[in-house]
Amino acid sequence: MGLHKVLPFPLRALFNEAISINSAAFKDIHPEMDETVFVVSTMEMVLLNFAKELGWPSFRKTRDDTDITQMMPFTSETKTIGVVMQW
């Protein structure tokens, strides 16, 4: 039984929002492979691919549907990233 079937919908939605919104990732065409790839840190790529493989809504749609009030970009000093959004 897959994780997608075990987690209740509200928890899946929360995980997907956390992964999608707290990411600086974007998609671009890889110049050598001529295919769409995530341009992102390794950890973000793993999380975004995890959500994609489970069939969760795309990170772009989730971001576009979210009213983000403030973004606090990742800093290597504190190793944190943050987002303030309307609930």
PDB file of N, CA and C in Angstrom:
ATOM      1  N   MET A   1       0.859  -1.171   0.000  1.00  0.00           N
ATOM      2  CA  MET A   1       0.000   0.000   0.000  1.00  0.00           C
ATOM      3  C   MET A   1       0.907   1.237   0.000  1.00  0.00           C
ATOM      4  N   GLY A   2       0.685   2.147  -0.939  1.00  0.00           N
ATOM      5  CA  GLY A   2       1.518   3.327  -1.079  1.00  0.00           C
ATOM      6  C   GLY A   2       1.195   4.399  -0.056  1.00  0.00           C
ATOM      7  N   LEU A   3       2.159   5.251   0.154  1.00  0.00           N
ATOM      8  CA  LEU A   3       2.011   6.362   1.098  1.00  0.00           C
ATOM      9  C   LEU A   3       0.809   7.225   0.743  1.00  0.00           C
ATOM     10  N   HIS A   4       0.585   7.415  -0.557  1.00  0.00           N
ATOM     11  CA  HIS A   4      -0.521   8.250  -1.008  1.00  0.00           C
ATOM     12  C   HIS A   4      -1.870   7.715  -0.528  1.00  0.00           C
ATOM     13  N   LYS A   5      -1.980   6.404  -0.425  1.00  0.00           N
ATOM     14  CA  LYS A   5      -3.244   5.803  -0.008  1.00  0.00           C
ATOM     15  C   LYS A   5      -3.407   5.759   1.510  1.00  0.00           C
ATOM     16  N   VAL A   6      -2.312   5.855   2.229  1.00  0.00           N
ATOM     17  CA  VAL A   6      -2.352   5.760   3.679  1.00  0.00           C
ATOM     18  C   VAL A   6      -2.607   7.119   4.333  1.00  0.00           C
ATOM     19  N   LEU A   7      -2.012   8.167   3.773  1.00  0.00           N
ATOM     20  CA  LEU A   7      -2.163   9.505   4.364  1.00  0.00           C
ATOM     21  C   LEU A   7      -3.533  10.078   4.067  1.00  0.00           C
ATOM     22  N   PRO A   8      -4.206  10.634   5.075  1.00  0.00           N
ATOM     23  CA  PRO A   8      -5.487  11.290   4.807  1.00  0.00           C
ATOM     24  C   PRO A   8      -5.265  12.541   3.948  1.00  0.00           C
ATOM     25  N   PHE A   9      -6.293  12.908   3.187  1.00  0.00           N
ATOM     26  CA  PHE A   9      -6.170  14.027   2.258  1.00  0.00           C
ATOM     27  C   PHE A   9      -5.638  15.310   2.902  1.00  0.00           C
ATOM     28  N   PRO A  10      -6.152  15.739   4.081  1.00  0.00           N
ATOM     29  CA  PRO A  10      -5.640  16.988   4.658  1.00  0.00           C
ATOM     30  C   PRO A  10      -4.125  16.954   4.905  1.00  0.00           C
ATOM     31  N   LEU A  11      -3.607  15.808   5.298  1.00  0.00           N
ATOM     32  CA  LEU A  11      -2.171  15.690   5.546  1.00  0.00           C
ATOM     33  C   LEU A  11      -1.387  15.703   4.225  1.00  0.00           C
ATOM     34  N   ARG A  12      -1.913  15.027   3.202  1.00  0.00           N
ATOM     35  CA  ARG A  12      -1.275  15.069   1.876  1.00  0.00           C
ATOM     36  C   ARG A  12      -1.238  16.496   1.358  1.00  0.00           C
ATOM     37  N   ALA A  13      -2.350  17.219   1.503  1.00  0.00           N
ATOM     38  CA  ALA A  13      -2.412  18.612   1.028  1.00  0.00           C
ATOM     39  C   ALA A  13      -1.407  19.478   1.778  1.00  0.00           C
ATOM     40  N   LEU A  14      -1.304  19.293   3.089  1.00  0.00           N
ATOM     41  CA  LEU A  14      -0.346  20.070   3.887  1.00  0.00           C
ATOM     42  C   LEU A  14       1.093  19.764   3.459  1.00  0.00           C
ATOM     43  N   PHE A  15       1.421  18.500   3.282  1.00  0.00           N
ATOM     44  CA  PHE A  15       2.768  18.124   2.835  1.00  0.00           C
ATOM     45  C   PHE A  15       3.068  18.724   1.463  1.00  0.00           C
ATOM     46  N   ASN A  16       2.097  18.631   0.550  1.00  0.00           N
ATOM     47  CA  ASN A  16       2.312  19.165  -0.792  1.00  0.00           C
ATOM     48  C   ASN A  16       2.528  20.678  -0.744  1.00  0.00           C
ATOM     49  N   GLU A  17       1.741  21.384   0.062  1.00  0.00           N
ATOM     50  CA  GLU A  17       1.923  22.831   0.185  1.00  0.00           C
ATOM     51  C   GLU A  17       3.285  23.161   0.778  1.00  0.00           C
ATOM     52  N   ALA A  18       3.684  22.428   1.806  1.00  0.00           N
ATOM     53  CA  ALA A  18       4.979  22.691   2.440  1.00  0.00           C
ATOM     54  C   ALA A  18       6.124  22.463   1.458  1.00  0.00           C
ATOM     55  N   ILE A  19       6.034  21.397   0.681  1.00  0.00           N
ATOM     56  CA  ILE A  19       7.082  21.099  -0.295  1.00  0.00           C
ATOM     57  C   ILE A  19       7.085  22.133  -1.418  1.00  0.00           C
ATOM     58  N   SER A  20       5.917  22.457  -1.942  1.00  0.00           N
ATOM     59  CA  SER A  20       5.812  23.346  -3.105  1.00  0.00           C
ATOM     60  C   SER A  20       6.105  24.800  -2.791  1.00  0.00           C
ATOM     61  N   ILE A  21       5.585  25.285  -1.698  1.00  0.00           N
ATOM     62  CA  ILE A  21       5.684  26.712  -1.389  1.00  0.00           C
ATOM     63  C   ILE A  21       7.032  27.059  -0.770  1.00  0.00           C
ATOM     64  N   ASN A  22       7.599  26.172   0.006  1.00  0.00           N
ATOM     65  CA  ASN A  22       8.899  26.439   0.644  1.00  0.00           C
ATOM     66  C   ASN A  22      10.040  25.973  -0.237  1.00  0.00           C
ATOM     67  N   SER A  23       9.963  26.300  -1.499  1.00  0.00           N
ATOM     68  CA  SER A  23      10.980  25.886  -2.454  1.00  0.00           C
ATOM     69  C   SER A  23      11.242  27.036  -3.412  1.00  0.00           C
ATOM     70  N   ALA A  24      12.477  27.182  -3.803  1.00  0.00           N
ATOM     71  CA  ALA A  24      12.848  28.198  -4.784  1.00  0.00           C
ATOM     72  C   ALA A  24      12.963  27.579  -6.175  1.00  0.00           C
ATOM     73  N   ALA A  25      12.472  26.380  -6.333  1.00  0.00           N
ATOM     74  CA  ALA A  25      12.640  25.636  -7.581  1.00  0.00           C
ATOM     75  C   ALA A  25      11.839  26.237  -8.720  1.00  0.00           C
ATOM     76  N   PHE A  26      12.340  25.975  -9.901  1.00  0.00           N
ATOM     77  CA  PHE A  26      11.592  26.260 -11.119  1.00  0.00           C
ATOM     78  C   PHE A  26      12.014  25.240 -12.156  1.00  0.00           C
ATOM     79  N   LYS A  27      11.237  25.133 -13.222  1.00  0.00           N
ATOM     80  CA  LYS A  27      11.556  24.187 -14.282  1.00  0.00           C
ATOM     81  C   LYS A  27      12.172  24.933 -15.457  1.00  0.00           C
ATOM     82  N   ASP A  28      13.101  24.264 -16.133  1.00  0.00           N
ATOM     83  CA  ASP A  28      13.754  24.830 -17.299  1.00  0.00           C
ATOM     84  C   ASP A  28      14.161  23.680 -18.216  1.00  0.00           C
ATOM     85  N   ILE A  29      14.512  24.004 -19.437  1.00  0.00           N
ATOM     86  CA  ILE A  29      14.977  23.000 -20.385  1.00  0.00           C
ATOM     87  C   ILE A  29      16.476  22.786 -20.187  1.00  0.00           C
ATOM     88  N   HIS A  30      16.862  21.541 -19.951  1.00  0.00           N
ATOM     89  CA  HIS A  30      18.285  21.206 -19.803  1.00  0.00           C
ATOM     90  C   HIS A  30      18.934  21.328 -21.176  1.00  0.00           C
ATOM     91  N   PRO A  31      19.993  22.136 -21.309  1.00  0.00           N
ATOM     92  CA  PRO A  31      20.564  22.397 -22.637  1.00  0.00           C
ATOM     93  C   PRO A  31      21.173  21.173 -23.316  1.00  0.00           C
ATOM     94  N   GLU A  32      21.685  20.229 -22.573  1.00  0.00           N
ATOM     95  CA  GLU A  32      22.316  19.058 -23.178  1.00  0.00           C
ATOM     96  C   GLU A  32      21.335  17.911 -23.410  1.00  0.00           C
ATOM     97  N   MET A  33      20.333  17.785 -22.528  1.00  0.00           N
ATOM     98  CA  MET A  33      19.404  16.660 -22.632  1.00  0.00           C
ATOM     99  C   MET A  33      18.119  17.036 -23.359  1.00  0.00           C
ATOM    100  N   ASP A  34      17.877  18.343 -23.570  1.00  0.00           N
ATOM    101  CA  ASP A  34      16.681  18.839 -24.242  1.00  0.00           C
ATOM    102  C   ASP A  34      15.394  18.303 -23.604  1.00  0.00           C
ATOM    103  N   GLU A  35      15.363  18.300 -22.282  1.00  0.00           N
ATOM    104  CA  GLU A  35      14.160  17.898 -21.553  1.00  0.00           C
ATOM    105  C   GLU A  35      13.973  18.825 -20.364  1.00  0.00           C
ATOM    106  N   THR A  36      12.748  18.884 -19.864  1.00  0.00           N
ATOM    107  CA  THR A  36      12.433  19.751 -18.741  1.00  0.00           C
ATOM    108  C   THR A  36      12.965  19.146 -17.454  1.00  0.00           C
ATOM    109  N   VAL A  37      13.673  19.965 -16.674  1.00  0.00           N
ATOM    110  CA  VAL A  37      14.252  19.518 -15.404  1.00  0.00           C
ATOM    111  C   VAL A  37      13.993  20.582 -14.343  1.00  0.00           C
ATOM    112  N   PHE A  38      14.052  20.174 -13.068  1.00  0.00           N
ATOM    113  CA  PHE A  38      13.987  21.119 -11.969  1.00  0.00           C
ATOM    114  C   PHE A  38      15.337  21.805 -11.832  1.00  0.00           C
ATOM    115  N   VAL A  39      15.320  23.126 -11.657  1.00  0.00           N
ATOM    116  CA  VAL A  39      16.526  23.881 -11.343  1.00  0.00           C
ATOM    117  C   VAL A  39      16.400  24.226  -9.864  1.00  0.00           C
ATOM    118  N   VAL A  40      17.197  23.519  -9.037  1.00  0.00           N
ATOM    119  CA  VAL A  40      16.937  23.558  -7.606  1.00  0.00           C
ATOM    120  C   VAL A  40      18.062  22.836  -6.872  1.00  0.00           C
ATOM    121  N   SER A  41      18.076  22.987  -5.554  1.00  0.00           N
ATOM    122  CA  SER A  41      19.025  22.231  -4.744  1.00  0.00           C
ATOM    123  C   SER A  41      18.641  20.753  -4.757  1.00  0.00           C
ATOM    124  N   THR A  42      19.579  19.909  -4.406  1.00  0.00           N
ATOM    125  CA  THR A  42      19.337  18.467  -4.421  1.00  0.00           C
ATOM    126  C   THR A  42      18.185  18.083  -3.502  1.00  0.00           C
ATOM    127  N   MET A  43      18.134  18.642  -2.303  1.00  0.00           N
ATOM    128  CA  MET A  43      17.065  18.289  -1.355  1.00  0.00           C
ATOM    129  C   MET A  43      15.699  18.705  -1.890  1.00  0.00           C
ATOM    130  N   GLU A  44      15.613  19.904  -2.443  1.00  0.00           N
ATOM    131  CA  GLU A  44      14.333  20.351  -2.995  1.00  0.00           C
ATOM    132  C   GLU A  44      13.912  19.460  -4.164  1.00  0.00           C
ATOM    133  N   MET A  45      14.874  19.059  -4.985  1.00  0.00           N
ATOM    134  CA  MET A  45      14.568  18.198  -6.121  1.00  0.00           C
ATOM    135  C   MET A  45      13.993  16.866  -5.643  1.00  0.00           C
ATOM    136  N   VAL A  46      14.580  16.303  -4.607  1.00  0.00           N
ATOM    137  CA  VAL A  46      14.085  15.037  -4.061  1.00  0.00           C
ATOM    138  C   VAL A  46      12.651  15.198  -3.561  1.00  0.00           C
ATOM    139  N   LEU A  47      12.384  16.268  -2.831  1.00  0.00           N
ATOM    140  CA  LEU A  47      11.039  16.486  -2.297  1.00  0.00           C
ATOM    141  C   LEU A  47      10.021  16.743  -3.408  1.00  0.00           C
ATOM    142  N   LEU A  48      10.387  17.559  -4.395  1.00  0.00           N
ATOM    143  CA  LEU A  48       9.469  17.846  -5.500  1.00  0.00           C
ATOM    144  C   LEU A  48       9.196  16.597  -6.339  1.00  0.00           C
ATOM    145  N   ASN A  49      10.208  15.796  -6.581  1.00  0.00           N
ATOM    146  CA  ASN A  49      10.000  14.544  -7.315  1.00  0.00           C
ATOM    147  C   ASN A  49       9.160  13.563  -6.510  1.00  0.00           C
ATOM    148  N   PHE A  50       9.349  13.543  -5.188  1.00  0.00           N
ATOM    149  CA  PHE A  50       8.538  12.715  -4.298  1.00  0.00           C
ATOM    150  C   PHE A  50       7.058  13.067  -4.460  1.00  0.00           C
ATOM    151  N   ALA A  51       6.749  14.361  -4.404  1.00  0.00           N
ATOM    152  CA  ALA A  51       5.359  14.804  -4.551  1.00  0.00           C
ATOM    153  C   ALA A  51       4.820  14.487  -5.942  1.00  0.00           C
ATOM    154  N   LYS A  52       5.652  14.665  -6.954  1.00  0.00           N
ATOM    155  CA  LYS A  52       5.232  14.389  -8.330  1.00  0.00           C
ATOM    156  C   LYS A  52       4.945  12.901  -8.518  1.00  0.00           C
ATOM    157  N   GLU A  53       5.823  12.037  -7.997  1.00  0.00           N
ATOM    158  CA  GLU A  53       5.644  10.591  -8.140  1.00  0.00           C
ATOM    159  C   GLU A  53       4.385  10.098  -7.429  1.00  0.00           C
ATOM    160  N   LEU A  54       3.975  10.791  -6.372  1.00  0.00           N
ATOM    161  CA  LEU A  54       2.757  10.406  -5.659  1.00  0.00           C
ATOM    162  C   LEU A  54       1.499  10.966  -6.326  1.00  0.00           C
ATOM    163  N   GLY A  55       1.701  11.746  -7.393  1.00  0.00           N
ATOM    164  CA  GLY A  55       0.552  12.277  -8.115  1.00  0.00           C
ATOM    165  C   GLY A  55      -0.085  13.472  -7.446  1.00  0.00           C
ATOM    166  N   TRP A  56       0.646  14.129  -6.567  1.00  0.00           N
ATOM    167  CA  TRP A  56       0.101  15.315  -5.907  1.00  0.00           C
ATOM    168  C   TRP A  56       0.067  16.466  -6.897  1.00  0.00           C
ATOM    169  N   PRO A  57      -0.744  17.504  -6.627  1.00  0.00           N
ATOM    170  CA  PRO A  57      -0.813  18.645  -7.557  1.00  0.00           C
ATOM    171  C   PRO A  57       0.577  19.230  -7.812  1.00  0.00           C
ATOM    172  N   SER A  58       0.768  19.774  -9.014  1.00  0.00           N
ATOM    173  CA  SER A  58       2.081  20.304  -9.388  1.00  0.00           C
ATOM    174  C   SER A  58       2.484  21.453  -8.468  1.00  0.00           C
ATOM    175  N   PHE A  59       3.785  21.578  -8.266  1.00  0.00           N
ATOM    176  CA  PHE A  59       4.274  22.635  -7.390  1.00  0.00           C
ATOM    177  C   PHE A  59       3.913  24.004  -7.958  1.00  0.00           C
ATOM    178  N   ARG A  60       3.894  24.148  -9.276  1.00  0.00           N
ATOM    179  CA  ARG A  60       3.558  25.442  -9.895  1.00  0.00           C
ATOM    180  C   ARG A  60       2.109  25.808  -9.609  1.00  0.00           C
ATOM    181  N   LYS A  61       1.184  24.859  -9.767  1.00  0.00           N
ATOM    182  CA  LYS A  61      -0.232  25.132  -9.497  1.00  0.00           C
ATOM    183  C   LYS A  61      -0.428  25.467  -8.024  1.00  0.00           C
ATOM    184  N   THR A  62       0.222  24.706  -7.155  1.00  0.00           N
ATOM    185  CA  THR A  62       0.091  24.957  -5.716  1.00  0.00           C
ATOM    186  C   THR A  62       0.590  26.348  -5.376  1.00  0.00           C
ATOM    187  N   ARG A  63       1.732  26.742  -5.924  1.00  0.00           N
ATOM    188  CA  ARG A  63       2.250  28.099  -5.677  1.00  0.00           C
ATOM    189  C   ARG A  63       1.317  29.162  -6.225  1.00  0.00           C
ATOM    190  N   ASP A  64       0.840  28.959  -7.464  1.00  0.00           N
ATOM    191  CA  ASP A  64      -0.030  29.953  -8.096  1.00  0.00           C
ATOM    192  C   ASP A  64      -1.350  30.123  -7.353  1.00  0.00           C
ATOM    193  N   ASP A  65      -1.817  29.064  -6.704  1.00  0.00           N
ATOM    194  CA  ASP A  65      -3.087  29.109  -5.968  1.00  0.00           C
ATOM    195  C   ASP A  65      -2.930  29.637  -4.544  1.00  0.00           C
ATOM    196  N   THR A  66      -1.706  29.977  -4.150  1.00  0.00           N
ATOM    197  CA  THR A  66      -1.438  30.403  -2.778  1.00  0.00           C
ATOM    198  C   THR A  66      -1.198  31.900  -2.720  1.00  0.00           C
ATOM    199  N   ASP A  67      -1.835  32.552  -1.762  1.00  0.00           N
ATOM    200  CA  ASP A  67      -1.652  33.990  -1.551  1.00  0.00           C
ATOM    201  C   ASP A  67      -0.461  34.186  -0.615  1.00  0.00           C
ATOM    202  N   ILE A  68       0.726  34.349  -1.203  1.00  0.00           N
ATOM    203  CA  ILE A  68       1.950  34.510  -0.420  1.00  0.00           C
ATOM    204  C   ILE A  68       2.125  35.970  -0.048  1.00  0.00           C
ATOM    205  N   THR A  69       2.244  36.227   1.264  1.00  0.00           N
ATOM    206  CA  THR A  69       2.402  37.579   1.784  1.00  0.00           C
ATOM    207  C   THR A  69       3.863  37.981   1.830  1.00  0.00           C
ATOM    208  N   GLN A  70       4.721  37.064   2.242  1.00  0.00           N
ATOM    209  CA  GLN A  70       6.146  37.371   2.375  1.00  0.00           C
ATOM    210  C   GLN A  70       6.961  36.105   2.193  1.00  0.00           C
ATOM    211  N   MET A  71       8.101  36.251   1.504  1.00  0.00           N
ATOM    212  CA  MET A  71       9.031  35.132   1.357  1.00  0.00           C
ATOM    213  C   MET A  71      10.348  35.509   2.017  1.00  0.00           C
ATOM    214  N   MET A  72      10.866  34.598   2.809  1.00  0.00           N
ATOM    215  CA  MET A  72      12.174  34.778   3.430  1.00  0.00           C
ATOM    216  C   MET A  72      13.095  33.753   2.789  1.00  0.00           C
ATOM    217  N   PRO A  73      13.977  34.191   1.871  1.00  0.00           N
ATOM    218  CA  PRO A  73      14.804  33.249   1.123  1.00  0.00           C
ATOM    219  C   PRO A  73      15.764  32.480   2.008  1.00  0.00           C
ATOM    220  N   PHE A  74      16.203  31.359   1.492  1.00  0.00           N
ATOM    221  CA  PHE A  74      17.164  30.525   2.204  1.00  0.00           C
ATOM    222  C   PHE A  74      18.442  31.302   2.452  1.00  0.00           C
ATOM    223  N   THR A  75      18.983  31.153   3.652  1.00  0.00           N
ATOM    224  CA  THR A  75      20.288  31.727   3.963  1.00  0.00           C
ATOM    225  C   THR A  75      21.180  30.599   4.465  1.00  0.00           C
ATOM    226  N   SER A  76      22.401  30.570   3.968  1.00  0.00           N
ATOM    227  CA  SER A  76      23.317  29.519   4.403  1.00  0.00           C
ATOM    228  C   SER A  76      23.753  29.733   5.843  1.00  0.00           C
ATOM    229  N   GLU A  77      23.645  30.979   6.315  1.00  0.00           N
ATOM    230  CA  GLU A  77      24.035  31.269   7.700  1.00  0.00           C
ATOM    231  C   GLU A  77      23.106  30.580   8.702  1.00  0.00           C
ATOM    232  N   THR A  78      21.803  30.714   8.498  1.00  0.00           N
ATOM    233  CA  THR A  78      20.841  30.116   9.428  1.00  0.00           C
ATOM    234  C   THR A  78      20.276  28.794   8.926  1.00  0.00           C
ATOM    235  N   LYS A  79      20.524  28.495   7.650  1.00  0.00           N
ATOM    236  CA  LYS A  79      20.007  27.278   7.009  1.00  0.00           C
ATOM    237  C   LYS A  79      18.481  27.193   7.132  1.00  0.00           C
ATOM    238  N   THR A  80      17.820  28.324   6.893  1.00  0.00           N
ATOM    239  CA  THR A  80      16.363  28.367   6.984  1.00  0.00           C
ATOM    240  C   THR A  80      15.774  29.062   5.764  1.00  0.00           C
ATOM    241  N   ILE A  81      14.508  28.777   5.526  1.00  0.00           N
ATOM    242  CA  ILE A  81      13.714  29.432   4.508  1.00  0.00           C
ATOM    243  C   ILE A  81      12.330  29.581   5.113  1.00  0.00           C
ATOM    244  N   GLY A  82      11.599  30.602   4.718  1.00  0.00           N
ATOM    245  CA  GLY A  82      10.274  30.769   5.295  1.00  0.00           C
ATOM    246  C   GLY A  82       9.316  31.454   4.332  1.00  0.00           C
ATOM    247  N   VAL A  83       8.049  31.203   4.544  1.00  0.00           N
ATOM    248  CA  VAL A  83       6.998  31.795   3.736  1.00  0.00           C
ATOM    249  C   VAL A  83       5.837  32.152   4.659  1.00  0.00           C
ATOM    250  N   VAL A  84       5.306  33.347   4.489  1.00  0.00           N
ATOM    251  CA  VAL A  84       4.098  33.752   5.191  1.00  0.00           C
ATOM    252  C   VAL A  84       2.998  33.795   4.140  1.00  0.00           C
ATOM    253  N   MET A  85       1.887  33.098   4.417  1.00  0.00           N
ATOM    254  CA  MET A  85       0.810  33.034   3.431  1.00  0.00           C
ATOM    255  C   MET A  85      -0.539  33.209   4.095  1.00  0.00           C
ATOM    256  N   GLN A  86      -1.509  33.650   3.302  1.00  0.00           N
ATOM    257  CA  GLN A  86      -2.881  33.756   3.788  1.00  0.00           C
ATOM    258  C   GLN A  86      -3.456  32.354   3.907  1.00  0.00           C
ATOM    259  N   TRP A  87      -4.140  32.075   4.955  1.00  0.00           N
ATOM    260  CA  TRP A  87      -4.732  30.752   5.147  1.00  0.00           C
ATOM    261  C   TRP A  87      -6.158  30.774   4.802  1.00  0.00           C
TER     262      TRP A  87
END
